[in-house]
Amino acid sequence: MTQMDDKHSINFDSDDLVERAELYAYAQQFDLAEDEYREALAEDPNNADAYLGLIRMHFIMRDFDKAQAVSDEGLTKLPESAPMHSARALLLLAKNQLEPAEQSLAKADALDAEHYHVKYAHGRLLMEQCKYTAAEQAFRAATECAPAVVAPFCYMQVGTALVEQAKLEWSEETAQHAVNAFLRALEIMPQWEFGYCLAISNLKQHPDPEVPLSIAERGLVEFPASQAIPFVALNPLIRAGRLEDAEYVYTEALPLIKENVPALIALAETIAEFPPLYSYALNVLEFADSHNPNDVSIAQSFVLLHTAMGNAEQVARWKARVEELRQSLATF
């Protein structure tokens, strides 16, 4: 990694309420972050950065209703604010409303095309259109004018766009640029557990599994008790032939996520990417079913796994179970 320039050097002792809120959000202390954002708005009801931070926080939490409510509030207070319109564009994109999103982004452009968030939103729109080279350029432009405390989000998106470019036409140079972008994001904000997970997840199919594993190791230095970082590193661990380490992650993860059905299914799907390990994936689904009986999504996962394994009898059995569960839900 390169020496960080002053422009992207975060003040971790800042007295600025919005900056403090952003730091809480990176640490996933969302209640504290919201308190700081709201205090900033109490002091200045026209603080666009506070509205933008709140929208981004709820977006990260996948709470789109709250993000929408804050967006409505911000647009009511600041109808001439470019980032309020670009934030609305991102919300519309999340709802697959492409044309309204483009219209909101056009409003943002007319107000301030040079605002970092407007450039960032253009990048997100271009990603949706599979225009990955143009998206990378938009995200890089956003890094040039983004405040230090939000620059890591922009660099993370640069890396994501480069990964998508590499998928279409493999280039070692493009892949290395992607790695550098992820490392840059984490250099600016090393205390970002979710950032390490994003980088590892994006790079998990890198031809050299040691590349994402090296990022996982960096993350575990910052977060030695992290459960998420080893979890997302499972695929490259298996590809690297570190099966004992992979089995340890798998064994440790199960009791921690026993009632988290999406996480259990994700674990089974990760393991099932490797046919010699199908039995381990099956064990995960059996564990999931024992702790979450009558869950349709688990039954559907059994169908997919047994199909891959060529177990016709079990496929029929679990298809019947899926139909049974659907009927019971319909009559409930």
C-alpha atoms as a PDB file:
ATOM      1  CA  MET A   1       0.000   0.000   0.000  1.00  0.00           C
ATOM      2  CA  THR A   2       1.110   3.536  -0.631  1.00  0.00           C
ATOM      3  CA  GLN A   3       1.632   6.203   1.948  1.00  0.00           C
ATOM      4  CA  MET A   4      -1.689   7.904   2.605  1.00  0.00           C
ATOM      5  CA  ASP A   5      -2.006  11.498   1.471  1.00  0.00           C
ATOM      6  CA  ASP A   6      -3.403  14.149   3.804  1.00  0.00           C
ATOM      7  CA  LYS A   7      -6.568  14.454   1.716  1.00  0.00           C
ATOM      8  CA  HIS A   8      -7.649  10.969   2.755  1.00  0.00           C
ATOM      9  CA  SER A   9      -6.369  10.980   6.304  1.00  0.00           C
ATOM     10  CA  ILE A  10      -9.290  10.540   8.686  1.00  0.00           C
ATOM     11  CA  ASN A  11      -9.329  12.504  11.930  1.00  0.00           C
ATOM     12  CA  PHE A  12     -10.372   9.809  14.401  1.00  0.00           C
ATOM     13  CA  ASP A  13     -10.583  12.416  17.185  1.00  0.00           C
ATOM     14  CA  SER A  14     -12.827  14.785  15.253  1.00  0.00           C
ATOM     15  CA  ASP A  15     -15.369  16.920  17.126  1.00  0.00           C
ATOM     16  CA  ASP A  16     -17.510  17.136  13.990  1.00  0.00           C
ATOM     17  CA  LEU A  17     -20.809  15.374  14.700  1.00  0.00           C
ATOM     18  CA  VAL A  18     -21.222  13.967  11.197  1.00  0.00           C
ATOM     19  CA  GLU A  19     -17.669  12.630  11.106  1.00  0.00           C
ATOM     20  CA  ARG A  20     -18.173  11.027  14.513  1.00  0.00           C
ATOM     21  CA  ALA A  21     -21.408   9.491  13.261  1.00  0.00           C
ATOM     22  CA  GLU A  22     -19.614   8.055  10.224  1.00  0.00           C
ATOM     23  CA  LEU A  23     -16.981   6.474  12.479  1.00  0.00           C
ATOM     24  CA  TYR A  24     -19.696   4.884  14.624  1.00  0.00           C
ATOM     25  CA  ALA A  25     -21.336   3.559  11.462  1.00  0.00           C
ATOM     26  CA  TYR A  26     -18.067   1.952  10.312  1.00  0.00           C
ATOM     27  CA  ALA A  27     -17.945   0.230  13.704  1.00  0.00           C
ATOM     28  CA  GLN A  28     -21.561  -0.921  13.215  1.00  0.00           C
ATOM     29  CA  GLN A  29     -22.606   1.049  16.285  1.00  0.00           C
ATOM     30  CA  PHE A  30     -25.653   2.230  14.422  1.00  0.00           C
ATOM     31  CA  ASP A  31     -27.654   3.571  17.373  1.00  0.00           C
ATOM     32  CA  LEU A  32     -24.776   5.841  18.370  1.00  0.00           C
ATOM     33  CA  ALA A  33     -24.315   6.899  14.752  1.00  0.00           C
ATOM     34  CA  GLU A  34     -27.966   7.838  14.450  1.00  0.00           C
ATOM     35  CA  ASP A  35     -27.777   9.864  17.668  1.00  0.00           C
ATOM     36  CA  GLU A  36     -24.846  11.866  16.269  1.00  0.00           C
ATOM     37  CA  TYR A  37     -26.514  12.428  12.907  1.00  0.00           C
ATOM     38  CA  ARG A  38     -29.695  13.605  14.630  1.00  0.00           C
ATOM     39  CA  GLU A  39     -27.753  15.908  16.938  1.00  0.00           C
ATOM     40  CA  ALA A  40     -26.072  17.401  13.871  1.00  0.00           C
ATOM     41  CA  LEU A  41     -29.494  17.985  12.323  1.00  0.00           C
ATOM     42  CA  ALA A  42     -30.787  19.524  15.555  1.00  0.00           C
ATOM     43  CA  GLU A  43     -27.931  22.022  15.353  1.00  0.00           C
ATOM     44  CA  ASP A  44     -28.390  22.596  11.621  1.00  0.00           C
ATOM     45  CA  PRO A  45     -31.610  21.315  10.013  1.00  0.00           C
ATOM     46  CA  ASN A  46     -30.079  22.013   6.603  1.00  0.00           C
ATOM     47  CA  ASN A  47     -27.068  19.712   7.089  1.00  0.00           C
ATOM     48  CA  ALA A  48     -27.112  17.668   3.865  1.00  0.00           C
ATOM     49  CA  ASP A  49     -24.155  15.528   4.983  1.00  0.00           C
ATOM     50  CA  ALA A  50     -26.095  14.403   8.055  1.00  0.00           C
ATOM     51  CA  TYR A  51     -29.102  13.403   5.950  1.00  0.00           C
ATOM     52  CA  LEU A  52     -26.817  11.660   3.478  1.00  0.00           C
ATOM     53  CA  GLY A  53     -25.059   9.757   6.251  1.00  0.00           C
ATOM     54  CA  LEU A  54     -28.352   8.623   7.759  1.00  0.00           C
ATOM     55  CA  ILE A  55     -29.621   7.428   4.382  1.00  0.00           C
ATOM     56  CA  ARG A  56     -26.367   5.555   3.723  1.00  0.00           C
ATOM     57  CA  MET A  57     -26.470   3.957   7.184  1.00  0.00           C
ATOM     58  CA  HIS A  58     -30.016   2.656   6.735  1.00  0.00           C
ATOM     59  CA  PHE A  59     -29.094   1.524   3.234  1.00  0.00           C
ATOM     60  CA  ILE A  60     -26.191  -0.524   4.619  1.00  0.00           C
ATOM     61  CA  MET A  61     -28.540  -1.996   7.209  1.00  0.00           C
ATOM     62  CA  ARG A  62     -30.921  -2.933   4.346  1.00  0.00           C
ATOM     63  CA  ASP A  63     -33.659  -0.942   6.046  1.00  0.00           C
ATOM     64  CA  PHE A  64     -34.943   0.706   2.887  1.00  0.00           C
ATOM     65  CA  ASP A  65     -38.131   2.007   4.514  1.00  0.00           C
ATOM     66  CA  LYS A  66     -36.122   4.091   6.990  1.00  0.00           C
ATOM     67  CA  ALA A  67     -33.737   5.179   4.252  1.00  0.00           C
ATOM     68  CA  GLN A  68     -36.744   6.304   2.222  1.00  0.00           C
ATOM     69  CA  ALA A  69     -38.208   8.193   5.194  1.00  0.00           C
ATOM     70  CA  VAL A  70     -34.932  10.072   5.763  1.00  0.00           C
ATOM     71  CA  SER A  71     -34.662  10.759   2.038  1.00  0.00           C
ATOM     72  CA  ASP A  72     -38.165  12.236   2.048  1.00  0.00           C
ATOM     73  CA  GLU A  73     -37.267  14.348   5.079  1.00  0.00           C
ATOM     74  CA  GLY A  74     -34.044  15.560   3.451  1.00  0.00           C
ATOM     75  CA  LEU A  75     -35.663  16.427   0.139  1.00  0.00           C
ATOM     76  CA  THR A  76     -38.416  18.342   1.933  1.00  0.00           C
ATOM     77  CA  LYS A  77     -35.837  20.410   3.815  1.00  0.00           C
ATOM     78  CA  LEU A  78     -33.341  20.682   0.963  1.00  0.00           C
ATOM     79  CA  PRO A  79     -35.119  20.413  -2.396  1.00  0.00           C
ATOM     80  CA  GLU A  80     -32.164  22.092  -4.135  1.00  0.00           C
ATOM     81  CA  SER A  81     -29.528  19.752  -2.686  1.00  0.00           C
ATOM     82  CA  ALA A  82     -27.701  17.642  -5.283  1.00  0.00           C
ATOM     83  CA  PRO A  83     -26.789  14.809  -2.867  1.00  0.00           C
ATOM     84  CA  MET A  84     -30.387  14.525  -1.705  1.00  0.00           C
ATOM     85  CA  HIS A  85     -31.402  13.811  -5.301  1.00  0.00           C
ATOM     86  CA  SER A  86     -28.481  11.431  -5.922  1.00  0.00           C
ATOM     87  CA  ALA A  87     -29.356   9.579  -2.705  1.00  0.00           C
ATOM     88  CA  ARG A  88     -32.935   9.279  -3.960  1.00  0.00           C
ATOM     89  CA  ALA A  89     -31.544   7.894  -7.220  1.00  0.00           C
ATOM     90  CA  LEU A  90     -29.739   5.122  -5.313  1.00  0.00           C
ATOM     91  CA  LEU A  91     -32.902   4.223  -3.425  1.00  0.00           C
ATOM     92  CA  LEU A  92     -34.804   3.984  -6.706  1.00  0.00           C
ATOM     93  CA  LEU A  93     -32.038   1.806  -8.169  1.00  0.00           C
ATOM     94  CA  ALA A  94     -32.370  -0.521  -5.172  1.00  0.00           C
ATOM     95  CA  LYS A  95     -36.042  -0.900  -6.107  1.00  0.00           C
ATOM     96  CA  ASN A  96     -35.124  -1.604  -9.755  1.00  0.00           C
ATOM     97  CA  GLN A  97     -36.798   1.630 -10.852  1.00  0.00           C
ATOM     98  CA  LEU A  98     -34.190   2.560 -13.448  1.00  0.00           C
ATOM     99  CA  GLU A  99     -35.955   5.375 -15.295  1.00  0.00           C
ATOM    100  CA  PRO A 100     -37.010   7.303 -12.138  1.00  0.00           C
ATOM    101  CA  ALA A 101     -33.470   6.817 -10.817  1.00  0.00           C
ATOM    102  CA  GLU A 102     -32.043   8.379 -13.975  1.00  0.00           C
ATOM    103  CA  GLN A 103     -34.452  11.289 -13.584  1.00  0.00           C
ATOM    104  CA  SER A 104     -33.372  11.901  -9.981  1.00  0.00           C
ATOM    105  CA  LEU A 105     -29.739  11.727 -11.000  1.00  0.00           C
ATOM    106  CA  ALA A 106     -30.358  14.228 -13.793  1.00  0.00           C
ATOM    107  CA  LYS A 107     -31.746  16.639 -11.163  1.00  0.00           C
ATOM    108  CA  ALA A 108     -28.637  16.094  -9.047  1.00  0.00           C
ATOM    109  CA  ASP A 109     -26.413  16.781 -12.073  1.00  0.00           C
ATOM    110  CA  ALA A 110     -28.230  20.013 -12.795  1.00  0.00           C
ATOM    111  CA  LEU A 111     -27.680  21.179  -9.213  1.00  0.00           C
ATOM    112  CA  ASP A 112     -24.046  20.101  -8.692  1.00  0.00           C
ATOM    113  CA  ALA A 113     -22.489  17.559 -11.038  1.00  0.00           C
ATOM    114  CA  GLU A 114     -19.164  17.856  -9.211  1.00  0.00           C
ATOM    115  CA  HIS A 115     -20.426  16.664  -5.823  1.00  0.00           C
ATOM    116  CA  TYR A 116     -18.727  13.399  -4.874  1.00  0.00           C
ATOM    117  CA  HIS A 117     -22.024  11.652  -4.166  1.00  0.00           C
ATOM    118  CA  VAL A 118     -23.428  12.582  -7.554  1.00  0.00           C
ATOM    119  CA  LYS A 119     -20.364  11.011  -9.190  1.00  0.00           C
ATOM    120  CA  TYR A 120     -20.731   7.985  -6.887  1.00  0.00           C
ATOM    121  CA  ALA A 121     -24.393   7.578  -7.854  1.00  0.00           C
ATOM    122  CA  HIS A 122     -23.435   7.714 -11.539  1.00  0.00           C
ATOM    123  CA  GLY A 123     -21.054   4.854 -10.829  1.00  0.00           C
ATOM    124  CA  ARG A 124     -23.819   2.811  -9.224  1.00  0.00           C
ATOM    125  CA  LEU A 125     -26.138   3.456 -12.175  1.00  0.00           C
ATOM    126  CA  LEU A 126     -23.416   2.403 -14.627  1.00  0.00           C
ATOM    127  CA  MET A 127     -22.852  -0.782 -12.613  1.00  0.00           C
ATOM    128  CA  GLU A 128     -26.537  -1.615 -12.983  1.00  0.00           C
ATOM    129  CA  GLN A 129     -26.132  -1.107 -16.737  1.00  0.00           C
ATOM    130  CA  CYS A 130     -23.075  -3.430 -16.749  1.00  0.00           C
ATOM    131  CA  LYS A 131     -20.871  -0.557 -17.971  1.00  0.00           C
ATOM    132  CA  TYR A 132     -18.050  -1.456 -15.631  1.00  0.00           C
ATOM    133  CA  THR A 133     -15.220   0.574 -17.155  1.00  0.00           C
ATOM    134  CA  ALA A 134     -17.297   3.761 -17.091  1.00  0.00           C
ATOM    135  CA  ALA A 135     -18.446   2.898 -13.555  1.00  0.00           C
ATOM    136  CA  GLU A 136     -14.848   2.563 -12.401  1.00  0.00           C
ATOM    137  CA  GLN A 137     -14.068   5.989 -13.845  1.00  0.00           C
ATOM    138  CA  ALA A 138     -17.074   7.518 -12.063  1.00  0.00           C
ATOM    139  CA  PHE A 139     -16.075   5.976  -8.737  1.00  0.00           C
ATOM    140  CA  ARG A 140     -12.465   7.138  -9.179  1.00  0.00           C
ATOM    141  CA  ALA A 141     -13.766  10.651  -9.855  1.00  0.00           C
ATOM    142  CA  ALA A 142     -15.748  10.398  -6.627  1.00  0.00           C
ATOM    143  CA  THR A 143     -12.611   9.461  -4.661  1.00  0.00           C
ATOM    144  CA  GLU A 144     -10.941  12.639  -5.877  1.00  0.00           C
ATOM    145  CA  CYS A 145     -13.495  14.913  -4.215  1.00  0.00           C
ATOM    146  CA  ALA A 146     -14.931  12.781  -1.410  1.00  0.00           C
ATOM    147  CA  PRO A 147     -14.253  13.729   2.209  1.00  0.00           C
ATOM    148  CA  ALA A 148     -11.745  11.368   3.804  1.00  0.00           C
ATOM    149  CA  VAL A 149     -14.316   9.761   6.071  1.00  0.00           C
ATOM    150  CA  VAL A 150     -16.426   8.513   3.137  1.00  0.00           C
ATOM    151  CA  ALA A 151     -13.629   7.897   0.610  1.00  0.00           C
ATOM    152  CA  PRO A 152     -13.370   4.197   1.601  1.00  0.00           C
ATOM    153  CA  PHE A 153     -16.871   3.580   0.233  1.00  0.00           C
ATOM    154  CA  CYS A 154     -15.783   5.059  -3.105  1.00  0.00           C
ATOM    155  CA  TYR A 155     -12.583   3.005  -3.272  1.00  0.00           C
ATOM    156  CA  MET A 156     -14.501  -0.144  -2.391  1.00  0.00           C
ATOM    157  CA  GLN A 157     -16.744   0.497  -5.399  1.00  0.00           C
ATOM    158  CA  VAL A 158     -13.716   1.121  -7.635  1.00  0.00           C
ATOM    159  CA  GLY A 159     -12.531  -2.348  -6.668  1.00  0.00           C
ATOM    160  CA  THR A 160     -15.940  -3.891  -7.289  1.00  0.00           C
ATOM    161  CA  ALA A 161     -16.139  -2.364 -10.785  1.00  0.00           C
ATOM    162  CA  LEU A 162     -12.648  -3.661 -11.593  1.00  0.00           C
ATOM    163  CA  VAL A 163     -13.583  -7.156 -10.407  1.00  0.00           C
ATOM    164  CA  GLU A 164     -16.542  -7.126 -12.790  1.00  0.00           C
ATOM    165  CA  GLN A 165     -14.234  -5.994 -15.614  1.00  0.00           C
ATOM    166  CA  ALA A 166     -11.869  -8.861 -14.817  1.00  0.00           C
ATOM    167  CA  LYS A 167     -14.745 -11.362 -14.905  1.00  0.00           C
ATOM    168  CA  LEU A 168     -15.605 -10.294 -18.457  1.00  0.00           C
ATOM    169  CA  GLU A 169     -12.040 -10.292 -19.736  1.00  0.00           C
ATOM    170  CA  TRP A 170      -9.376 -11.577 -17.376  1.00  0.00           C
ATOM    171  CA  SER A 171      -6.333  -9.381 -16.975  1.00  0.00           C
ATOM    172  CA  GLU A 172      -3.775  -9.721 -14.223  1.00  0.00           C
ATOM    173  CA  GLU A 173      -3.285  -5.953 -14.332  1.00  0.00           C
ATOM    174  CA  THR A 174      -7.019  -5.278 -13.888  1.00  0.00           C
ATOM    175  CA  ALA A 175      -7.178  -7.770 -11.030  1.00  0.00           C
ATOM    176  CA  GLN A 176      -4.238  -6.107  -9.308  1.00  0.00           C
ATOM    177  CA  HIS A 177      -5.855  -2.686  -9.689  1.00  0.00           C
ATOM    178  CA  ALA A 178      -8.951  -4.145  -7.988  1.00  0.00           C
ATOM    179  CA  VAL A 179      -6.860  -5.482  -5.116  1.00  0.00           C
ATOM    180  CA  ASN A 180      -5.134  -2.108  -4.781  1.00  0.00           C
ATOM    181  CA  ALA A 181      -8.483  -0.299  -4.614  1.00  0.00           C
ATOM    182  CA  PHE A 182      -9.731  -2.574  -1.825  1.00  0.00           C
ATOM    183  CA  LEU A 183      -6.456  -2.173   0.055  1.00  0.00           C
ATOM    184  CA  ARG A 184      -6.674   1.591  -0.339  1.00  0.00           C
ATOM    185  CA  ALA A 185     -10.152   1.612   1.203  1.00  0.00           C
ATOM    186  CA  LEU A 186      -8.875  -0.409   4.160  1.00  0.00           C
ATOM    187  CA  GLU A 187      -5.728   1.692   4.476  1.00  0.00           C
ATOM    188  CA  ILE A 188      -7.880   4.776   4.955  1.00  0.00           C
ATOM    189  CA  MET A 189     -10.289   2.966   7.294  1.00  0.00           C
ATOM    190  CA  PRO A 190      -8.558  -0.066   8.864  1.00  0.00           C
ATOM    191  CA  GLN A 191     -11.227  -0.293  11.578  1.00  0.00           C
ATOM    192  CA  TRP A 192     -13.949  -1.479   9.196  1.00  0.00           C
ATOM    193  CA  GLU A 193     -14.822  -5.122   9.687  1.00  0.00           C
ATOM    194  CA  PHE A 194     -17.512  -5.087   7.017  1.00  0.00           C
ATOM    195  CA  GLY A 195     -15.010  -3.558   4.583  1.00  0.00           C
ATOM    196  CA  TYR A 196     -12.689  -6.553   4.966  1.00  0.00           C
ATOM    197  CA  CYS A 197     -15.661  -8.846   4.346  1.00  0.00           C
ATOM    198  CA  LEU A 198     -16.618  -6.921   1.199  1.00  0.00           C
ATOM    199  CA  ALA A 199     -13.080  -7.072  -0.160  1.00  0.00           C
ATOM    200  CA  ILE A 200     -12.695 -10.803   0.557  1.00  0.00           C
ATOM    201  CA  SER A 201     -16.103 -11.587  -0.911  1.00  0.00           C
ATOM    202  CA  ASN A 202     -15.353  -9.662  -4.097  1.00  0.00           C
ATOM    203  CA  LEU A 203     -11.973 -11.347  -4.480  1.00  0.00           C
ATOM    204  CA  LYS A 204     -12.963 -14.868  -3.460  1.00  0.00           C
ATOM    205  CA  GLN A 205     -12.695 -16.140  -7.061  1.00  0.00           C
ATOM    206  CA  HIS A 206      -9.276 -14.569  -7.643  1.00  0.00           C
ATOM    207  CA  PRO A 207      -7.064 -17.191  -9.336  1.00  0.00           C
ATOM    208  CA  ASP A 208      -4.666 -16.972  -6.401  1.00  0.00           C
ATOM    209  CA  PRO A 209      -6.660 -17.724  -3.225  1.00  0.00           C
ATOM    210  CA  GLU A 210      -3.838 -16.311  -1.134  1.00  0.00           C
ATOM    211  CA  VAL A 211      -4.847 -12.817  -2.346  1.00  0.00           C
ATOM    212  CA  PRO A 212      -8.207 -12.730  -0.487  1.00  0.00           C
ATOM    213  CA  LEU A 213      -6.681 -14.727   2.367  1.00  0.00           C
ATOM    214  CA  SER A 214      -4.008 -12.053   2.850  1.00  0.00           C
ATOM    215  CA  ILE A 215      -6.789  -9.475   3.275  1.00  0.00           C
ATOM    216  CA  ALA A 216      -8.542 -11.784   5.739  1.00  0.00           C
ATOM    217  CA  GLU A 217      -5.339 -11.989   7.743  1.00  0.00           C
ATOM    218  CA  ARG A 218      -5.068  -8.187   7.784  1.00  0.00           C
ATOM    219  CA  GLY A 219      -8.650  -7.996   8.981  1.00  0.00           C
ATOM    220  CA  LEU A 220      -8.073 -10.499  11.776  1.00  0.00           C
ATOM    221  CA  VAL A 221      -5.206  -8.359  13.068  1.00  0.00           C
ATOM    222  CA  GLU A 222      -7.718  -5.521  13.509  1.00  0.00           C
ATOM    223  CA  PHE A 223     -10.598  -7.811  14.583  1.00  0.00           C
ATOM    224  CA  PRO A 224      -9.118 -10.949  16.162  1.00  0.00           C
ATOM    225  CA  ALA A 225     -12.508 -12.048  17.506  1.00  0.00           C
ATOM    226  CA  SER A 226     -14.327 -11.549  14.186  1.00  0.00           C
ATOM    227  CA  GLN A 227     -16.741 -14.285  13.208  1.00  0.00           C
ATOM    228  CA  ALA A 228     -17.603 -12.723   9.844  1.00  0.00           C
ATOM    229  CA  ILE A 229     -14.102 -12.465   8.326  1.00  0.00           C
ATOM    230  CA  PRO A 230     -13.264 -16.204   8.564  1.00  0.00           C
ATOM    231  CA  PHE A 231     -16.763 -17.023   7.315  1.00  0.00           C
ATOM    232  CA  VAL A 232     -16.349 -15.075   4.059  1.00  0.00           C
ATOM    233  CA  ALA A 233     -12.796 -16.436   3.705  1.00  0.00           C
ATOM    234  CA  LEU A 234     -14.064 -20.038   3.643  1.00  0.00           C
ATOM    235  CA  ASN A 235     -14.075 -20.322  -0.162  1.00  0.00           C
ATOM    236  CA  PRO A 236     -10.442 -19.219  -0.641  1.00  0.00           C
ATOM    237  CA  LEU A 237      -9.412 -21.374   2.338  1.00  0.00           C
ATOM    238  CA  ILE A 238     -10.797 -24.439   0.580  1.00  0.00           C
ATOM    239  CA  ARG A 239      -9.289 -23.422  -2.767  1.00  0.00           C
ATOM    240  CA  ALA A 240      -5.923 -22.971  -1.085  1.00  0.00           C
ATOM    241  CA  GLY A 241      -6.134 -26.536   0.221  1.00  0.00           C
ATOM    242  CA  ARG A 242      -6.246 -25.390   3.837  1.00  0.00           C
ATOM    243  CA  LEU A 243      -8.972 -27.883   4.664  1.00  0.00           C
ATOM    244  CA  GLU A 244      -8.193 -28.123   8.368  1.00  0.00           C
ATOM    245  CA  ASP A 245      -8.571 -24.355   8.701  1.00  0.00           C
ATOM    246  CA  ALA A 246     -11.759 -24.505   6.625  1.00  0.00           C
ATOM    247  CA  GLU A 247     -13.192 -27.270   8.800  1.00  0.00           C
ATOM    248  CA  TYR A 248     -12.391 -25.242  11.907  1.00  0.00           C
ATOM    249  CA  VAL A 249     -14.270 -22.219  10.501  1.00  0.00           C
ATOM    250  CA  TYR A 250     -17.191 -24.460   9.542  1.00  0.00           C
ATOM    251  CA  THR A 251     -17.317 -26.130  12.967  1.00  0.00           C
ATOM    252  CA  GLU A 252     -17.082 -22.845  14.850  1.00  0.00           C
ATOM    253  CA  ALA A 253     -19.687 -21.121  12.691  1.00  0.00           C
ATOM    254  CA  LEU A 254     -22.508 -23.638  13.027  1.00  0.00           C
ATOM    255  CA  PRO A 255     -23.521 -23.081  16.680  1.00  0.00           C
ATOM    256  CA  LEU A 256     -23.238 -19.313  16.244  1.00  0.00           C
ATOM    257  CA  ILE A 257     -25.668 -19.177  13.321  1.00  0.00           C
ATOM    258  CA  LYS A 258     -27.959 -22.092  14.187  1.00  0.00           C
ATOM    259  CA  GLU A 259     -31.111 -19.954  13.915  1.00  0.00           C
ATOM    260  CA  ASN A 260     -29.863 -17.701  11.118  1.00  0.00           C
ATOM    261  CA  VAL A 261     -31.339 -19.475   8.111  1.00  0.00           C
ATOM    262  CA  PRO A 262     -29.847 -17.205   5.368  1.00  0.00           C
ATOM    263  CA  ALA A 263     -26.373 -17.591   6.907  1.00  0.00           C
ATOM    264  CA  LEU A 264     -26.753 -21.368   7.172  1.00  0.00           C
ATOM    265  CA  ILE A 265     -27.851 -21.620   3.548  1.00  0.00           C
ATOM    266  CA  ALA A 266     -24.983 -19.356   2.481  1.00  0.00           C
ATOM    267  CA  LEU A 267     -22.559 -21.630   4.345  1.00  0.00           C
ATOM    268  CA  ALA A 268     -23.977 -24.728   2.650  1.00  0.00           C
ATOM    269  CA  GLU A 269     -23.822 -23.033  -0.762  1.00  0.00           C
ATOM    270  CA  THR A 270     -20.204 -22.005  -0.227  1.00  0.00           C
ATOM    271  CA  ILE A 271     -19.177 -25.548   0.656  1.00  0.00           C
ATOM    272  CA  ALA A 272     -21.273 -27.011  -2.176  1.00  0.00           C
ATOM    273  CA  GLU A 273     -19.149 -25.100  -4.694  1.00  0.00           C
ATOM    274  CA  PHE A 274     -16.699 -27.970  -4.162  1.00  0.00           C
ATOM    275  CA  PRO A 275     -18.254 -31.350  -5.145  1.00  0.00           C
ATOM    276  CA  PRO A 276     -15.880 -33.450  -2.995  1.00  0.00           C
ATOM    277  CA  LEU A 277     -17.321 -31.586   0.012  1.00  0.00           C
ATOM    278  CA  TYR A 278     -21.002 -32.160  -0.761  1.00  0.00           C
ATOM    279  CA  SER A 279     -21.366 -34.267   2.385  1.00  0.00           C
ATOM    280  CA  TYR A 280     -20.309 -31.279   4.518  1.00  0.00           C
ATOM    281  CA  ALA A 281     -22.866 -29.066   2.752  1.00  0.00           C
ATOM    282  CA  LEU A 282     -25.499 -31.716   3.425  1.00  0.00           C
ATOM    283  CA  ASN A 283     -24.513 -31.756   7.096  1.00  0.00           C
ATOM    284  CA  VAL A 284     -25.036 -27.980   7.251  1.00  0.00           C
ATOM    285  CA  LEU A 285     -28.541 -28.259   5.794  1.00  0.00           C
ATOM    286  CA  GLU A 286     -29.426 -31.125   8.141  1.00  0.00           C
ATOM    287  CA  PHE A 287     -28.195 -28.999  11.052  1.00  0.00           C
ATOM    288  CA  ALA A 288     -30.226 -26.055   9.723  1.00  0.00           C
ATOM    289  CA  ASP A 289     -33.358 -28.194   9.387  1.00  0.00           C
ATOM    290  CA  SER A 290     -33.002 -29.579  12.906  1.00  0.00           C
ATOM    291  CA  HIS A 291     -32.885 -26.080  14.410  1.00  0.00           C
ATOM    292  CA  ASN A 292     -35.344 -24.450  11.994  1.00  0.00           C
ATOM    293  CA  PRO A 293     -37.946 -27.078  11.118  1.00  0.00           C
ATOM    294  CA  ASN A 294     -40.609 -26.281   8.541  1.00  0.00           C
ATOM    295  CA  ASP A 295     -38.540 -23.658   6.734  1.00  0.00           C
ATOM    296  CA  VAL A 296     -39.293 -23.631   3.006  1.00  0.00           C
ATOM    297  CA  SER A 297     -35.959 -22.092   1.992  1.00  0.00           C
ATOM    298  CA  ILE A 298     -34.038 -24.894   3.725  1.00  0.00           C
ATOM    299  CA  ALA A 299     -36.180 -27.508   1.972  1.00  0.00           C
ATOM    300  CA  GLN A 300     -35.520 -25.781  -1.368  1.00  0.00           C
ATOM    301  CA  SER A 301     -31.786 -25.871  -0.627  1.00  0.00           C
ATOM    302  CA  PHE A 302     -32.020 -29.613  -0.050  1.00  0.00           C
ATOM    303  CA  VAL A 303     -33.630 -29.954  -3.494  1.00  0.00           C
ATOM    304  CA  LEU A 304     -30.785 -28.032  -5.144  1.00  0.00           C
ATOM    305  CA  LEU A 305     -28.038 -29.915  -3.328  1.00  0.00           C
ATOM    306  CA  HIS A 306     -29.494 -33.375  -3.935  1.00  0.00           C
ATOM    307  CA  THR A 307     -29.994 -32.430  -7.589  1.00  0.00           C
ATOM    308  CA  ALA A 308     -26.295 -31.566  -7.818  1.00  0.00           C
ATOM    309  CA  MET A 309     -25.442 -34.829  -6.057  1.00  0.00           C
ATOM    310  CA  GLY A 310     -27.651 -36.845  -8.423  1.00  0.00           C
ATOM    311  CA  ASN A 311     -29.862 -38.205  -5.626  1.00  0.00           C
ATOM    312  CA  ALA A 312     -33.157 -38.508  -7.529  1.00  0.00           C
ATOM    313  CA  GLU A 313     -35.017 -40.135  -4.652  1.00  0.00           C
ATOM    314  CA  GLN A 314     -34.026 -37.383  -2.233  1.00  0.00           C
ATOM    315  CA  VAL A 315     -34.851 -34.713  -4.809  1.00  0.00           C
ATOM    316  CA  ALA A 316     -38.390 -36.085  -5.069  1.00  0.00           C
ATOM    317  CA  ARG A 317     -38.689 -36.317  -1.301  1.00  0.00           C
ATOM    318  CA  TRP A 318     -37.628 -32.711  -0.709  1.00  0.00           C
ATOM    319  CA  LYS A 319     -39.716 -31.362  -3.583  1.00  0.00           C
ATOM    320  CA  ALA A 320     -42.730 -32.956  -1.918  1.00  0.00           C
ATOM    321  CA  ARG A 321     -41.659 -31.372   1.374  1.00  0.00           C
ATOM    322  CA  VAL A 322     -41.423 -27.946  -0.263  1.00  0.00           C
ATOM    323  CA  GLU A 323     -44.951 -28.295  -1.632  1.00  0.00           C
ATOM    324  CA  GLU A 324     -46.240 -29.499   1.738  1.00  0.00           C
ATOM    325  CA  LEU A 325     -44.720 -26.514   3.537  1.00  0.00           C
ATOM    326  CA  ARG A 326     -46.087 -24.072   0.957  1.00  0.00           C
ATOM    327  CA  GLN A 327     -49.573 -25.488   1.357  1.00  0.00           C
ATOM    328  CA  SER A 328     -49.376 -25.299   5.143  1.00  0.00           C
ATOM    329  CA  LEU A 329     -48.283 -21.665   4.919  1.00  0.00           C
ATOM    330  CA  ALA A 330     -51.125 -20.902   2.520  1.00  0.00           C
ATOM    331  CA  THR A 331     -53.713 -22.282   4.939  1.00  0.00           C
ATOM    332  CA  PHE A 332     -52.155 -20.760   8.073  1.00  0.00           C
END
